[in-house]
Amino acid sequence: MDEMEQFTSGDAKFGWSSEIRAFFTVQIFLTRLPAPMWIDLHPGFLMMGMAYLPLLGILIGLVSSTTYTVTTTILSLP
């Protein structure tokens, strides 16, 4: 039994906890933001979390653009 078959039969029980773990795994992969301590970088959860890449990209972009707009408005930068 290879590693991915073992993963899908054991750790990757499809449900909310598995999806949340996959989301935070992708968040750790894309950013330096802290995540809960029970999240690890298992390749299987990274593969499951690939569906969350566009959503996380949009969230990162919204936070970045909002931060830029607010700071330039407050500091009156050109």
N, C-alpha and C. Protein backbone atom coordinates (compact mmCIF):
# COMPACT_ATOMS: atom_id res chain seq x y z
N MET A 1 0.85 -1.18 0.00
CA MET A 1 0.00 0.00 0.00
C MET A 1 0.90 1.24 0.00
N ASP A 2 0.71 2.10 -1.00
CA ASP A 2 1.54 3.30 -1.05
C ASP A 2 1.01 4.37 -0.10
N GLU A 3 1.76 5.47 -0.02
CA GLU A 3 1.46 6.50 0.99
C GLU A 3 0.10 7.16 0.76
N MET A 4 -0.26 7.43 -0.51
CA MET A 4 -1.53 8.12 -0.78
C MET A 4 -2.73 7.20 -0.51
N GLU A 5 -2.61 5.92 -0.82
CA GLU A 5 -3.70 5.00 -0.50
C GLU A 5 -3.88 4.89 1.01
N GLN A 6 -2.77 4.87 1.72
CA GLN A 6 -2.83 4.83 3.18
C GLN A 6 -3.46 6.10 3.72
N PHE A 7 -3.12 7.23 3.12
CA PHE A 7 -3.67 8.52 3.56
C PHE A 7 -5.17 8.58 3.34
N THR A 8 -5.63 8.18 2.15
CA THR A 8 -7.05 8.27 1.85
C THR A 8 -7.87 7.28 2.66
N SER A 9 -7.26 6.20 3.09
CA SER A 9 -8.02 5.25 3.89
C SER A 9 -7.96 5.57 5.39
N GLY A 10 -7.01 6.40 5.80
CA GLY A 10 -6.86 6.68 7.23
C GLY A 10 -7.14 8.11 7.61
N ASP A 11 -6.19 9.01 7.38
CA ASP A 11 -6.28 10.40 7.85
C ASP A 11 -7.34 11.22 7.14
N ALA A 12 -7.56 10.95 5.88
CA ALA A 12 -8.41 11.83 5.06
C ALA A 12 -9.86 11.40 5.10
N LYS A 13 -10.44 11.36 6.24
CA LYS A 13 -11.87 11.09 6.34
C LYS A 13 -12.59 12.35 5.87
N PHE A 14 -13.43 12.20 4.87
CA PHE A 14 -14.08 13.36 4.30
C PHE A 14 -15.10 13.91 5.27
N GLY A 15 -14.88 15.15 5.66
CA GLY A 15 -15.74 15.82 6.61
C GLY A 15 -15.20 17.21 6.87
N TRP A 16 -15.83 17.91 7.79
CA TRP A 16 -15.44 19.29 8.08
C TRP A 16 -14.02 19.39 8.61
N SER A 17 -13.64 18.51 9.51
CA SER A 17 -12.31 18.62 10.10
C SER A 17 -11.23 18.39 9.06
N SER A 18 -11.47 17.50 8.13
CA SER A 18 -10.50 17.25 7.07
C SER A 18 -10.39 18.45 6.13
N GLU A 19 -11.53 19.06 5.82
CA GLU A 19 -11.52 20.23 4.93
C GLU A 19 -10.85 21.44 5.60
N ILE A 20 -11.11 21.63 6.88
CA ILE A 20 -10.48 22.74 7.60
C ILE A 20 -8.97 22.52 7.66
N ARG A 21 -8.57 21.28 7.90
CA ARG A 21 -7.14 20.97 7.94
C ARG A 21 -6.50 21.20 6.57
N ALA A 22 -7.19 20.86 5.49
CA ALA A 22 -6.67 21.10 4.15
C ALA A 22 -6.56 22.60 3.87
N PHE A 23 -7.56 23.39 4.29
CA PHE A 23 -7.52 24.84 4.08
C PHE A 23 -6.34 25.47 4.81
N PHE A 24 -6.15 25.11 6.08
CA PHE A 24 -5.05 25.68 6.83
C PHE A 24 -3.70 25.20 6.32
N THR A 25 -3.63 23.99 5.77
CA THR A 25 -2.39 23.51 5.18
C THR A 25 -2.00 24.37 3.98
N VAL A 26 -2.98 24.72 3.16
CA VAL A 26 -2.71 25.61 2.02
C VAL A 26 -2.35 27.00 2.50
N GLN A 27 -2.99 27.47 3.56
CA GLN A 27 -2.67 28.78 4.11
C GLN A 27 -1.22 28.83 4.60
N ILE A 28 -0.78 27.76 5.27
CA ILE A 28 0.62 27.69 5.71
C ILE A 28 1.54 27.68 4.50
N PHE A 29 1.15 26.97 3.45
CA PHE A 29 1.98 26.86 2.26
C PHE A 29 2.13 28.19 1.53
N LEU A 30 1.07 28.99 1.48
CA LEU A 30 1.10 30.24 0.71
C LEU A 30 1.56 31.46 1.51
N THR A 31 1.37 31.45 2.82
CA THR A 31 1.68 32.63 3.62
C THR A 31 2.56 32.26 4.79
N ARG A 32 2.92 33.27 5.56
CA ARG A 32 3.65 33.05 6.79
C ARG A 32 2.75 33.26 8.01
N LEU A 33 1.46 33.31 7.77
CA LEU A 33 0.52 33.51 8.87
C LEU A 33 0.47 32.27 9.75
N PRO A 34 0.33 32.46 11.05
CA PRO A 34 0.25 31.29 11.93
C PRO A 34 -1.05 30.52 11.74
N ALA A 35 -0.98 29.25 12.03
CA ALA A 35 -2.14 28.38 11.95
C ALA A 35 -2.24 27.60 13.26
N PRO A 36 -3.35 26.95 13.49
CA PRO A 36 -3.47 26.15 14.72
C PRO A 36 -2.36 25.10 14.82
N MET A 37 -2.03 24.73 16.04
CA MET A 37 -0.92 23.81 16.27
C MET A 37 -1.21 22.40 15.74
N TRP A 38 -2.46 22.02 15.56
CA TRP A 38 -2.77 20.67 15.11
C TRP A 38 -2.70 20.50 13.60
N ILE A 39 -2.27 21.55 12.89
CA ILE A 39 -2.12 21.48 11.44
C ILE A 39 -0.67 21.11 11.11
N ASP A 40 -0.51 20.11 10.26
CA ASP A 40 0.83 19.77 9.78
C ASP A 40 0.84 19.85 8.25
N LEU A 41 2.01 19.72 7.68
CA LEU A 41 2.14 19.86 6.23
C LEU A 41 2.18 18.50 5.55
N HIS A 42 1.16 17.71 5.77
CA HIS A 42 1.09 16.41 5.11
C HIS A 42 0.77 16.63 3.63
N PRO A 43 1.49 15.98 2.72
CA PRO A 43 1.25 16.19 1.29
C PRO A 43 -0.18 15.86 0.85
N GLY A 44 -0.81 14.93 1.52
CA GLY A 44 -2.18 14.59 1.16
C GLY A 44 -3.15 15.73 1.42
N PHE A 45 -2.98 16.40 2.55
CA PHE A 45 -3.86 17.54 2.84
C PHE A 45 -3.53 18.72 1.93
N LEU A 46 -2.28 18.83 1.49
CA LEU A 46 -1.93 19.87 0.53
C LEU A 46 -2.62 19.59 -0.81
N MET A 47 -2.67 18.32 -1.20
CA MET A 47 -3.36 17.96 -2.45
C MET A 47 -4.87 18.20 -2.32
N MET A 48 -5.43 17.86 -1.16
CA MET A 48 -6.86 18.11 -0.95
C MET A 48 -7.16 19.61 -0.94
N GLY A 49 -6.22 20.41 -0.46
CA GLY A 49 -6.43 21.84 -0.33
C GLY A 49 -6.22 22.62 -1.61
N MET A 50 -5.83 21.95 -2.70
CA MET A 50 -5.63 22.68 -3.96
C MET A 50 -6.91 23.35 -4.43
N ALA A 51 -8.05 22.83 -4.02
CA ALA A 51 -9.32 23.46 -4.39
C ALA A 51 -9.49 24.81 -3.71
N TYR A 52 -8.78 25.03 -2.60
CA TYR A 52 -8.89 26.28 -1.86
C TYR A 52 -7.88 27.34 -2.32
N LEU A 53 -7.02 27.02 -3.26
CA LEU A 53 -6.03 28.00 -3.72
C LEU A 53 -6.67 29.27 -4.27
N PRO A 54 -7.67 29.20 -5.15
CA PRO A 54 -8.28 30.45 -5.64
C PRO A 54 -8.94 31.26 -4.52
N LEU A 55 -9.63 30.59 -3.62
CA LEU A 55 -10.29 31.30 -2.51
C LEU A 55 -9.26 31.97 -1.62
N LEU A 56 -8.20 31.28 -1.29
CA LEU A 56 -7.17 31.86 -0.44
C LEU A 56 -6.43 32.98 -1.16
N GLY A 57 -6.24 32.85 -2.46
CA GLY A 57 -5.63 33.93 -3.24
C GLY A 57 -6.47 35.19 -3.23
N ILE A 58 -7.79 35.01 -3.34
CA ILE A 58 -8.69 36.16 -3.28
C ILE A 58 -8.64 36.81 -1.90
N LEU A 59 -8.66 36.00 -0.85
CA LEU A 59 -8.60 36.55 0.52
C LEU A 59 -7.29 37.29 0.76
N ILE A 60 -6.17 36.74 0.32
CA ILE A 60 -4.88 37.40 0.49
C ILE A 60 -4.86 38.71 -0.29
N GLY A 61 -5.39 38.69 -1.51
CA GLY A 61 -5.45 39.91 -2.32
C GLY A 61 -6.33 40.98 -1.69
N LEU A 62 -7.47 40.59 -1.14
CA LEU A 62 -8.37 41.55 -0.49
C LEU A 62 -7.72 42.18 0.74
N VAL A 63 -7.07 41.37 1.54
CA VAL A 63 -6.40 41.89 2.74
C VAL A 63 -5.25 42.82 2.34
N SER A 64 -4.48 42.44 1.34
CA SER A 64 -3.36 43.27 0.90
C SER A 64 -3.84 44.59 0.32
N SER A 65 -4.85 44.55 -0.54
CA SER A 65 -5.33 45.79 -1.16
C SER A 65 -6.02 46.70 -0.15
N THR A 66 -6.74 46.11 0.80
CA THR A 66 -7.37 46.92 1.85
C THR A 66 -6.33 47.58 2.73
N THR A 67 -5.30 46.83 3.09
CA THR A 67 -4.22 47.40 3.90
C THR A 67 -3.53 48.54 3.16
N TYR A 68 -3.26 48.33 1.87
CA TYR A 68 -2.61 49.37 1.07
C TYR A 68 -3.49 50.62 0.98
N THR A 69 -4.77 50.45 0.71
CA THR A 69 -5.68 51.58 0.56
C THR A 69 -5.82 52.35 1.87
N VAL A 70 -5.96 51.63 2.96
CA VAL A 70 -6.13 52.30 4.26
C VAL A 70 -4.86 53.04 4.65
N THR A 71 -3.71 52.43 4.49
CA THR A 71 -2.47 53.11 4.89
C THR A 71 -2.15 54.30 4.00
N THR A 72 -2.40 54.19 2.70
CA THR A 72 -2.13 55.35 1.84
C THR A 72 -3.11 56.48 2.12
N THR A 73 -4.33 56.16 2.49
CA THR A 73 -5.33 57.19 2.81
C THR A 73 -4.98 57.88 4.13
N ILE A 74 -4.61 57.10 5.12
CA ILE A 74 -4.29 57.67 6.44
C ILE A 74 -2.99 58.46 6.37
N LEU A 75 -1.98 57.93 5.69
CA LEU A 75 -0.69 58.60 5.63
C LEU A 75 -0.58 59.61 4.51
N SER A 76 -1.59 59.72 3.68
CA SER A 76 -1.65 60.66 2.54
C SER A 76 -0.43 60.50 1.62
N LEU A 77 -0.12 59.30 1.31
CA LEU A 77 0.98 59.04 0.40
C LEU A 77 0.50 59.13 -1.04
N PRO A 78 1.38 59.52 -1.96
CA PRO A 78 0.95 59.64 -3.37
C PRO A 78 0.73 58.29 -4.01
